[in-house]
Amino acid sequence: MCCSHLLVVFGGVAGLEAVVDADENLHVNDASVLFNHYLNTCPSQGSNTIRTEVCALLTRCVIVNNNINETQKVIEMYISKCR
């Protein structure tokens, strides 16, 4: 294991960028500078919003498996069950 602690942050509908822009106490223009690692785990979601539980599942796949192909399989499985 590469680390003993992990904090995962999910943004709102407008993303973490909007949160950073709205916070007058933060003097940064780029949300990614606030984190050691900044990763969009659902970059091609095809929707303006994604349910938090779906994003959490997909993010877990990326973190645990470190494999985008496995994550794609989970996405396809979830979409097929939602139809």
Protein backbone atom coordinates (compact mmCIF):
# COMPACT_ATOMS: atom_id res chain seq x y z
CA MET A 1 0.00 0.00 0.00
CA CYS A 2 1.37 3.41 -0.91
CA CYS A 3 -0.22 5.41 1.86
CA SER A 4 -1.83 4.97 5.25
CA HIS A 5 -4.36 7.83 4.93
CA LEU A 6 -6.56 8.92 2.08
CA LEU A 7 -9.04 11.76 1.73
CA VAL A 8 -11.37 11.68 -1.27
CA VAL A 9 -13.18 14.92 -2.11
CA PHE A 10 -16.22 15.06 -4.37
CA GLY A 11 -17.32 18.36 -5.85
CA GLY A 12 -20.84 19.64 -6.23
CA VAL A 13 -22.79 20.05 -9.45
CA ALA A 14 -20.41 22.76 -10.67
CA GLY A 15 -17.32 20.86 -9.52
CA LEU A 16 -14.50 21.69 -7.15
CA GLU A 17 -13.48 24.59 -9.37
CA ALA A 18 -16.66 26.47 -8.48
CA VAL A 19 -16.06 25.83 -4.76
CA VAL A 20 -12.56 27.30 -5.02
CA ASP A 21 -13.83 30.31 -6.96
CA ALA A 22 -16.53 31.00 -4.37
CA ASP A 23 -14.25 30.81 -1.33
CA GLU A 24 -12.86 34.28 -0.59
CA ASN A 25 -10.32 32.81 1.87
CA LEU A 26 -8.61 30.74 -0.83
CA HIS A 27 -6.15 32.67 -2.93
CA VAL A 28 -5.71 30.14 -5.72
CA ASN A 29 -7.15 29.91 -9.20
CA ASP A 30 -6.74 26.19 -9.70
CA ALA A 31 -8.43 23.61 -7.44
CA SER A 32 -5.77 21.02 -8.20
CA VAL A 33 -3.07 22.94 -6.28
CA LEU A 34 -4.94 22.24 -3.03
CA PHE A 35 -4.34 18.48 -3.25
CA ASN A 36 -1.38 16.13 -3.56
CA HIS A 37 -3.26 14.27 -6.29
CA TYR A 38 -6.17 15.60 -8.31
CA LEU A 39 -8.03 13.13 -10.49
CA ASN A 40 -11.34 13.35 -12.30
CA THR A 41 -12.54 9.75 -12.03
CA CYS A 42 -15.61 10.35 -14.20
CA PRO A 43 -14.28 12.53 -17.04
CA SER A 44 -16.60 11.25 -19.79
CA GLN A 45 -19.79 10.86 -17.81
CA GLY A 46 -21.98 12.33 -20.57
CA SER A 47 -24.09 14.23 -18.04
CA ASN A 48 -23.87 17.48 -16.13
CA THR A 49 -24.40 15.61 -12.87
CA ILE A 50 -23.57 12.19 -11.55
CA ARG A 51 -25.01 10.60 -8.44
CA THR A 52 -22.58 10.60 -5.52
CA GLU A 53 -22.98 6.86 -4.90
CA VAL A 54 -22.08 6.15 -8.54
CA CYS A 55 -19.07 8.44 -8.41
CA ALA A 56 -17.96 6.84 -5.13
CA LEU A 57 -18.15 3.36 -6.67
CA LEU A 58 -16.22 4.41 -9.77
CA THR A 59 -13.62 6.25 -7.70
CA ARG A 60 -13.13 3.17 -5.53
CA CYS A 61 -12.52 1.10 -8.66
CA VAL A 62 -9.84 3.51 -9.82
CA ILE A 63 -8.15 3.66 -6.41
CA VAL A 64 -8.28 -0.05 -5.56
CA ASN A 65 -7.66 -1.50 -9.00
CA ASN A 66 -5.59 1.34 -10.45
CA ASN A 67 -7.06 0.13 -13.72
CA ILE A 68 -9.22 2.29 -15.99
CA ASN A 69 -10.35 -0.78 -17.99
CA GLU A 70 -11.84 -2.33 -14.86
CA THR A 71 -13.54 0.97 -14.09
CA GLN A 72 -15.06 1.02 -17.58
CA LYS A 73 -16.52 -2.45 -16.96
CA VAL A 74 -18.14 -1.21 -13.74
CA ILE A 75 -19.59 1.81 -15.57
CA GLU A 76 -21.06 -0.42 -18.29
CA MET A 77 -22.50 -2.82 -15.68
CA TYR A 78 -24.11 0.06 -13.78
CA ILE A 79 -25.58 1.60 -16.95
CA SER A 80 -27.00 -1.75 -18.08
CA LYS A 81 -28.76 -2.21 -14.70
CA CYS A 82 -30.23 1.29 -14.89
CA ARG A 83 -31.94 0.69 -18.24
